[in-house]
Amino acid sequence: MNDLAWFFSVAIAGRASSSFSPPSYRSTDFEVPATAGPVPPPPPPRWYSDEVKPLDPRLPPTLRYFEASSSPSQLPGGPHHRGLVIQQVLRRLFPFGRGLCHAYWAPNFWVFYIVLDKVLAFVFAKLGFTIQMPKASFTGGLVGDSSPFAVLPQVTPIITFLLVVLAMAPCLVKAFLKPQPRSIIRWVAYAYTCGFMFGWHVHEKASLHFTIPLGIIALNSLEDARHYFLLSIVSCYSMFPLLFEPQEYPIKLLLLVIHSTLMWAGFSLYFSKKTAHESTTKTISKDSDQENILIGWVGFCYLFGLVFIEIWGQILHPYLFGSKLQFLPLMLISVYCAIGMMYSWAWQLIQIIQCT
């Protein structure tokens, strides 16, 4: 097997198994053109040997990746081809040329950075300062270099890399100095949370990388259940704009309501039975019923705010503004969900420092 085959196999394997990897920095990018294979075809004479059929463009990207990585020895081995393929793989894995954020901002730390830059630019312009404000900055949806900030310092990939490593430092120190197999899921989830919050060109659906693992340990304690209940709803709602067709709206709304209801019922039933069982073996305080509440007033008010955000985007904004300020509903979703994501990151950090 040639060098290119080994490189391609390792890269694809690392990409496919990333959800089970130890804490590491990565840039999430799942978007693959519908008619493209894992890499663009090289020049003639032939891309695949006679024994291997070409990649089927009708297959989903994941299956096309698997089809390609299952027979890496069939890839060409010429120096020119090898260089082209390696470049394309690296561009897919680390899309540093595609900008810091999307037209629809993932709900992470950079949402606040962008909003602060826009607010400062507006204030300084009103005060008489000359501010260069790019048209449709961070909202135009163009693929390429990120739009420059008007006031705040520019952000580069190396800055995001250092922030991710710095945020992961407490977790890495804990993992290396005091390994605890029972904490591996929490550590991996926190590592992905750091990559989501501070990484470069992060996709909103990357929140599933840490939301799903945290669901595995949600029954460990009532605090874990409370955190997962809020995080799961926020994570699901933050991906609503990805399903924008009218026929998809009732489906996604109904699924979120069912998901939230089942979580509420399941967690409440489980911890009420657990409390009842513990009451037979030891004395339970009078406030045990209050302590078993799945979500407090602060969390309830925050989740209720999601309802207002949705009503604004679907009803009030079209009625008041028509086709103007079309980016505003998406911006509100990003900013509001980013508050919940920041809370989740801080909560996980405290749990790792105090409890592991």
Protein backbone atom coordinates (compact mmCIF):
# COMPACT_ATOMS: atom_id res chain seq x y z
CA MET A 1 0.00 0.00 0.00
CA ASN A 2 1.52 3.35 -0.98
CA ASP A 3 2.01 6.40 1.23
CA LEU A 4 -1.07 8.14 -0.10
CA ALA A 5 -3.27 5.18 0.78
CA TRP A 6 -2.02 5.24 4.37
CA PHE A 7 -2.55 8.99 4.66
CA PHE A 8 -6.05 8.83 3.23
CA SER A 9 -7.04 5.89 5.43
CA VAL A 10 -5.80 7.54 8.62
CA ALA A 11 -7.43 10.88 7.77
CA ILE A 12 -10.79 9.33 6.97
CA ALA A 13 -10.65 7.00 9.98
CA GLY A 14 -9.88 9.92 12.24
CA ARG A 15 -12.76 11.85 10.71
CA ALA A 16 -15.27 9.02 11.08
CA SER A 17 -14.30 8.08 14.64
CA SER A 18 -13.97 11.63 15.94
CA SER A 19 -16.93 11.25 18.27
CA PHE A 20 -15.00 8.64 20.26
CA SER A 21 -11.60 10.34 20.25
CA PRO A 22 -9.84 11.74 23.35
CA PRO A 23 -9.82 15.50 23.94
CA SER A 24 -8.38 17.11 20.82
CA TYR A 25 -8.67 20.23 18.72
CA ARG A 26 -10.55 19.96 15.49
CA SER A 27 -12.57 22.11 13.09
CA THR A 28 -15.98 20.73 12.24
CA ASP A 29 -17.03 20.66 8.60
CA PHE A 30 -19.57 18.15 7.33
CA GLU A 31 -20.61 19.93 4.18
CA VAL A 32 -19.84 17.96 1.01
CA PRO A 33 -21.28 18.89 -2.39
CA ALA A 34 -24.06 16.52 -3.42
CA THR A 35 -22.34 15.55 -6.65
CA ALA A 36 -18.79 15.31 -5.35
CA GLY A 37 -16.86 12.34 -4.07
CA PRO A 38 -14.48 12.57 -1.15
CA VAL A 39 -11.89 14.29 -3.37
CA PRO A 40 -12.07 15.82 -6.86
CA PRO A 41 -11.08 13.39 -9.65
CA PRO A 42 -7.47 13.79 -10.79
CA PRO A 43 -6.47 14.07 -14.44
CA PRO A 44 -6.64 11.03 -16.77
CA PRO A 45 -5.80 8.31 -17.51
CA ARG A 46 -7.74 6.64 -14.73
CA TRP A 47 -8.95 7.39 -11.21
CA TYR A 48 -9.81 3.85 -10.11
CA SER A 49 -8.53 0.45 -11.15
CA ASP A 50 -10.72 -1.93 -13.12
CA GLU A 51 -11.48 -4.00 -10.01
CA VAL A 52 -13.11 -1.09 -8.13
CA LYS A 53 -16.23 0.66 -9.32
CA PRO A 54 -16.31 4.48 -9.23
CA LEU A 55 -17.89 6.29 -6.28
CA ASP A 56 -21.62 6.63 -6.68
CA PRO A 57 -22.49 10.36 -6.44
CA ARG A 58 -26.01 9.43 -5.38
CA LEU A 59 -24.73 8.04 -2.08
CA PRO A 60 -24.73 10.25 1.03
CA PRO A 61 -21.35 11.79 1.89
CA THR A 62 -20.79 9.40 4.80
CA LEU A 63 -21.25 6.33 2.61
CA ARG A 64 -19.04 7.80 -0.08
CA TYR A 65 -16.32 8.37 2.50
CA PHE A 66 -16.66 4.78 3.67
CA GLU A 67 -16.61 3.47 0.12
CA ALA A 68 -13.41 5.36 -0.58
CA SER A 69 -11.64 4.45 2.66
CA SER A 70 -12.58 0.76 2.37
CA SER A 71 -10.24 0.33 -0.59
CA PRO A 72 -7.40 2.83 -0.12
CA SER A 73 -4.93 0.73 -2.09
CA GLN A 74 -6.77 1.66 -5.28
CA LEU A 75 -5.85 5.33 -5.01
CA PRO A 76 -3.22 6.63 -7.43
CA GLY A 77 0.34 6.86 -6.22
CA GLY A 78 1.93 9.44 -8.49
CA PRO A 79 3.58 12.45 -6.81
CA HIS A 80 1.31 14.92 -8.57
CA HIS A 81 -1.85 12.98 -7.71
CA ARG A 82 -0.66 12.40 -4.16
CA GLY A 83 -0.16 16.10 -3.57
CA LEU A 84 -3.56 17.02 -4.96
CA VAL A 85 -5.40 14.44 -2.88
CA ILE A 86 -3.60 15.34 0.33
CA GLN A 87 -4.38 19.02 -0.20
CA GLN A 88 -8.07 18.28 -0.72
CA VAL A 89 -8.26 16.04 2.36
CA LEU A 90 -6.60 18.67 4.53
CA ARG A 91 -8.94 21.35 3.22
CA ARG A 92 -11.91 19.19 4.16
CA LEU A 93 -10.58 18.41 7.62
CA PHE A 94 -9.35 21.93 8.41
CA PRO A 95 -11.34 24.54 6.43
CA PHE A 96 -9.23 27.52 7.50
CA GLY A 97 -9.84 29.26 4.18
CA ARG A 98 -13.62 29.36 4.65
CA GLY A 99 -13.87 32.05 7.29
CA LEU A 100 -14.42 32.24 11.04
CA CYS A 101 -18.22 31.99 10.90
CA HIS A 102 -21.07 31.23 8.53
CA ALA A 103 -23.86 33.46 7.35
CA TYR A 104 -25.83 31.66 10.08
CA TRP A 105 -23.60 31.87 13.12
CA ALA A 106 -23.13 28.79 15.25
CA PRO A 107 -24.17 29.65 18.83
CA ASN A 108 -20.70 29.93 20.37
CA PHE A 109 -18.31 32.50 21.82
CA TRP A 110 -17.70 34.21 18.47
CA VAL A 111 -21.34 35.27 18.27
CA PHE A 112 -20.76 37.67 21.17
CA TYR A 113 -17.50 38.84 19.62
CA ILE A 114 -19.21 39.66 16.31
CA VAL A 115 -22.16 41.38 17.98
CA LEU A 116 -19.83 43.44 20.18
CA ASP A 117 -17.87 44.50 17.12
CA LYS A 118 -21.04 45.62 15.34
CA VAL A 119 -22.32 47.50 18.41
CA LEU A 120 -18.99 49.28 18.87
CA ALA A 121 -18.85 50.17 15.18
CA PHE A 122 -22.35 51.63 15.35
CA VAL A 123 -21.60 53.63 18.51
CA PHE A 124 -18.29 54.99 17.20
CA ALA A 125 -19.91 55.96 13.91
CA LYS A 126 -22.59 57.90 15.80
CA LEU A 127 -19.86 59.66 17.78
CA GLY A 128 -18.27 60.89 14.58
CA PHE A 129 -15.45 58.39 14.12
CA THR A 130 -14.73 57.04 10.65
CA ILE A 131 -15.43 53.31 10.73
CA GLN A 132 -14.95 50.98 7.78
CA MET A 133 -17.93 48.64 7.97
CA PRO A 134 -17.93 45.88 5.31
CA LYS A 135 -21.27 45.39 3.61
CA ALA A 136 -23.13 42.30 4.89
CA SER A 137 -20.18 41.47 7.13
CA PHE A 138 -20.59 37.91 8.48
CA THR A 139 -24.12 37.72 7.08
CA GLY A 140 -23.54 37.47 3.36
CA GLY A 141 -22.99 33.74 3.33
CA LEU A 142 -20.02 33.87 0.95
CA VAL A 143 -17.48 31.07 1.08
CA GLY A 144 -13.96 32.38 1.45
CA ASP A 145 -11.97 34.54 3.79
CA SER A 146 -13.88 35.90 6.75
CA SER A 147 -15.11 39.46 6.66
CA PRO A 148 -12.86 41.85 8.59
CA PHE A 149 -13.96 43.18 11.95
CA ALA A 150 -14.67 46.88 12.03
CA VAL A 151 -13.34 47.68 15.52
CA LEU A 152 -12.13 44.58 17.37
CA PRO A 153 -8.87 42.79 16.48
CA GLN A 154 -8.96 40.28 13.66
CA VAL A 155 -9.27 36.59 14.55
CA THR A 156 -6.99 34.03 12.89
CA PRO A 157 -7.03 30.23 12.98
CA ILE A 158 -4.03 30.13 15.32
CA ILE A 159 -5.90 32.32 17.82
CA THR A 160 -8.87 29.97 17.84
CA PHE A 161 -6.50 27.00 18.21
CA LEU A 162 -4.81 28.56 21.25
CA LEU A 163 -8.17 29.42 22.82
CA VAL A 164 -9.40 25.85 22.38
CA VAL A 165 -6.23 24.43 23.94
CA LEU A 166 -6.40 26.94 26.80
CA ALA A 167 -10.04 26.10 27.49
CA MET A 168 -9.25 22.37 27.41
CA ALA A 169 -6.24 22.73 29.73
CA PRO A 170 -8.06 21.88 33.02
CA CYS A 171 -9.52 18.76 31.42
CA LEU A 172 -6.18 17.68 29.94
CA VAL A 173 -4.37 18.20 33.25
CA LYS A 174 -6.98 16.13 35.08
CA ALA A 175 -6.84 13.38 32.46
CA PHE A 176 -3.04 13.06 32.50
CA LEU A 177 -2.38 13.52 36.22
CA LYS A 178 -5.32 11.55 37.57
CA PRO A 179 -6.90 9.24 34.96
CA GLN A 180 -10.44 8.18 35.83
CA PRO A 181 -12.18 5.76 33.45
CA ARG A 182 -15.58 6.72 34.83
CA SER A 183 -15.01 10.33 33.77
CA ILE A 184 -13.94 9.69 30.17
CA ILE A 185 -17.36 10.56 28.71
CA ARG A 186 -17.49 13.83 30.62
CA TRP A 187 -13.95 14.72 29.53
CA VAL A 188 -14.55 13.93 25.88
CA ALA A 189 -17.82 15.91 25.89
CA TYR A 190 -16.06 18.88 27.46
CA ALA A 191 -13.27 18.72 24.88
CA TYR A 192 -15.79 18.88 22.06
CA THR A 193 -17.59 21.70 23.84
CA CYS A 194 -14.36 23.70 23.85
CA GLY A 195 -13.89 23.06 20.14
CA PHE A 196 -17.46 24.15 19.49
CA MET A 197 -17.27 27.29 21.60
CA PHE A 198 -13.89 28.62 20.44
CA GLY A 199 -13.04 26.75 17.23
CA TRP A 200 -12.68 28.05 13.68
CA HIS A 201 -15.54 27.73 11.17
CA VAL A 202 -17.70 25.69 13.53
CA HIS A 203 -21.01 24.36 12.26
CA GLU A 204 -24.10 24.66 14.43
CA LYS A 205 -24.81 20.93 14.17
CA ALA A 206 -21.45 20.21 15.81
CA SER A 207 -23.20 20.71 19.16
CA LEU A 208 -24.38 17.11 18.77
CA HIS A 209 -20.79 15.99 19.39
CA PHE A 210 -21.10 16.82 23.08
CA THR A 211 -24.87 16.80 23.57
CA ILE A 212 -25.20 13.12 22.70
CA PRO A 213 -22.36 11.88 24.99
CA LEU A 214 -23.74 13.96 27.87
CA GLY A 215 -27.04 12.14 27.42
CA ILE A 216 -25.27 8.90 28.35
CA ILE A 217 -24.36 10.24 31.81
CA ALA A 218 -27.53 12.31 32.33
CA LEU A 219 -28.84 9.80 34.87
CA ASN A 220 -25.70 9.91 37.01
CA SER A 221 -27.16 12.70 39.12
CA LEU A 222 -29.99 15.18 39.18
CA GLU A 223 -27.53 17.97 38.34
CA ASP A 224 -26.46 16.10 35.20
CA ALA A 225 -30.11 15.60 34.23
CA ARG A 226 -30.90 19.28 34.73
CA HIS A 227 -27.93 20.32 32.63
CA TYR A 228 -28.71 17.87 29.85
CA PHE A 229 -32.39 18.82 29.78
CA LEU A 230 -31.58 22.46 29.09
CA LEU A 231 -28.62 21.78 26.79
CA SER A 232 -30.52 19.27 24.66
CA ILE A 233 -33.41 21.65 24.03
CA VAL A 234 -31.10 24.55 23.20
CA SER A 235 -28.95 22.38 20.92
CA CYS A 236 -31.97 21.09 19.00
CA TYR A 237 -33.54 24.51 18.68
CA SER A 238 -30.30 26.09 17.46
CA MET A 239 -30.48 23.79 14.41
CA PHE A 240 -34.03 24.83 13.44
CA PRO A 241 -32.81 27.19 10.67
CA LEU A 242 -31.16 24.24 8.91
CA LEU A 243 -34.64 22.88 8.15
CA PHE A 244 -36.14 25.88 6.42
CA GLU A 245 -38.68 24.32 4.05
CA PRO A 246 -42.33 25.06 4.96
CA GLN A 247 -43.25 21.37 5.00
CA GLU A 248 -40.43 20.71 7.49
CA TYR A 249 -41.58 23.24 10.07
CA PRO A 250 -44.36 21.22 11.78
CA ILE A 251 -42.13 18.15 11.82
CA LYS A 252 -39.19 19.80 13.57
CA LEU A 253 -41.46 21.62 15.99
CA LEU A 254 -43.37 18.47 16.90
CA LEU A 255 -40.18 16.47 17.35
CA LEU A 256 -38.73 19.05 19.74
CA VAL A 257 -41.94 19.15 21.79
CA ILE A 258 -42.08 15.34 21.99
CA HIS A 259 -38.38 15.15 22.86
CA SER A 260 -38.73 17.74 25.63
CA THR A 261 -41.86 16.09 27.05
CA LEU A 262 -40.29 12.64 27.14
CA MET A 263 -37.19 14.00 28.83
CA TRP A 264 -39.26 15.78 31.44
CA ALA A 265 -41.41 12.74 32.15
CA GLY A 266 -38.51 10.28 32.11
CA PHE A 267 -36.18 12.27 34.34
CA SER A 268 -38.96 13.21 36.78
CA LEU A 269 -40.11 9.61 37.12
CA TYR A 270 -36.58 8.23 37.49
CA PHE A 271 -35.44 10.64 40.17
CA SER A 272 -38.72 10.53 42.08
CA LYS A 273 -38.39 6.74 42.32
CA LYS A 274 -34.75 7.11 43.28
CA THR A 275 -35.68 9.53 46.06
CA ALA A 276 -38.44 7.23 47.27
CA HIS A 277 -36.00 4.32 47.40
CA GLU A 278 -33.43 6.34 49.31
CA SER A 279 -36.11 7.50 51.77
CA THR A 280 -36.56 3.90 52.89
CA THR A 281 -32.88 3.58 53.78
CA LYS A 282 -32.06 6.98 55.21
CA THR A 283 -33.71 10.17 56.38
CA ILE A 284 -34.68 12.59 53.62
CA SER A 285 -35.00 16.31 54.32
CA LYS A 286 -38.33 18.06 54.05
CA ASP A 287 -37.14 19.96 51.02
CA SER A 288 -36.47 16.80 49.00
CA ASP A 289 -39.46 17.45 46.73
CA GLN A 290 -38.15 20.90 45.94
CA GLU A 291 -34.68 19.51 45.28
CA ASN A 292 -36.07 17.04 42.73
CA ILE A 293 -37.45 19.77 40.49
CA LEU A 294 -35.91 19.26 37.07
CA ILE A 295 -35.59 22.93 36.19
CA GLY A 296 -35.69 26.10 38.24
CA TRP A 297 -37.24 29.45 37.53
CA VAL A 298 -34.16 30.83 35.81
CA GLY A 299 -33.94 27.87 33.46
CA PHE A 300 -37.68 27.92 32.85
CA CYS A 301 -37.63 31.61 31.94
CA TYR A 302 -34.69 31.04 29.61
CA LEU A 303 -36.41 28.16 27.80
CA PHE A 304 -39.62 30.17 27.60
CA GLY A 305 -37.57 32.81 25.82
CA LEU A 306 -37.05 30.34 23.00
CA VAL A 307 -40.81 30.42 22.43
CA PHE A 308 -40.71 34.20 22.11
CA ILE A 309 -37.74 34.00 19.70
CA GLU A 310 -39.67 31.56 17.53
CA ILE A 311 -42.84 33.66 17.56
CA TRP A 312 -40.81 36.71 16.60
CA GLY A 313 -39.12 34.95 13.68
CA GLN A 314 -42.24 33.29 12.33
CA ILE A 315 -44.94 35.91 12.96
CA LEU A 316 -43.87 39.28 14.39
CA HIS A 317 -40.81 39.97 12.24
CA PRO A 318 -42.53 39.31 8.87
CA TYR A 319 -45.51 41.38 10.02
CA LEU A 320 -43.47 44.35 11.26
CA PHE A 321 -40.55 44.42 8.84
CA GLY A 322 -41.68 42.40 5.84
CA SER A 323 -38.64 41.45 3.76
CA LYS A 324 -36.31 43.88 5.56
CA LEU A 325 -33.63 42.82 8.05
CA GLN A 326 -33.93 39.17 7.06
CA PHE A 327 -30.79 38.32 9.05
CA LEU A 328 -32.33 39.49 12.35
CA PRO A 329 -34.33 36.33 13.25
CA LEU A 330 -31.29 34.12 12.62
CA MET A 331 -29.08 36.46 14.61
CA LEU A 332 -31.49 36.34 17.55
CA ILE A 333 -31.47 32.53 17.48
CA SER A 334 -27.67 32.45 17.42
CA VAL A 335 -27.21 34.99 20.21
CA TYR A 336 -29.90 33.55 22.46
CA CYS A 337 -28.78 29.94 22.02
CA ALA A 338 -25.16 31.02 22.54
CA ILE A 339 -26.13 32.11 26.07
CA GLY A 340 -27.27 28.57 26.84
CA MET A 341 -24.16 27.09 25.22
CA MET A 342 -21.86 29.34 27.26
CA TYR A 343 -23.70 28.25 30.41
CA SER A 344 -23.20 24.61 29.42
CA TRP A 345 -19.48 25.13 28.83
CA ALA A 346 -19.04 26.89 32.19
CA TRP A 347 -21.09 24.22 34.00
CA GLN A 348 -19.01 21.40 32.52
CA LEU A 349 -15.79 23.20 33.43
CA ILE A 350 -16.91 23.57 37.06
CA GLN A 351 -17.90 19.91 37.21
CA ILE A 352 -14.51 18.80 35.88
CA ILE A 353 -12.59 21.01 38.32
CA GLN A 354 -14.66 20.15 41.40
CA CYS A 355 -15.95 16.62 40.88
CA THR A 356 -13.35 14.69 38.86
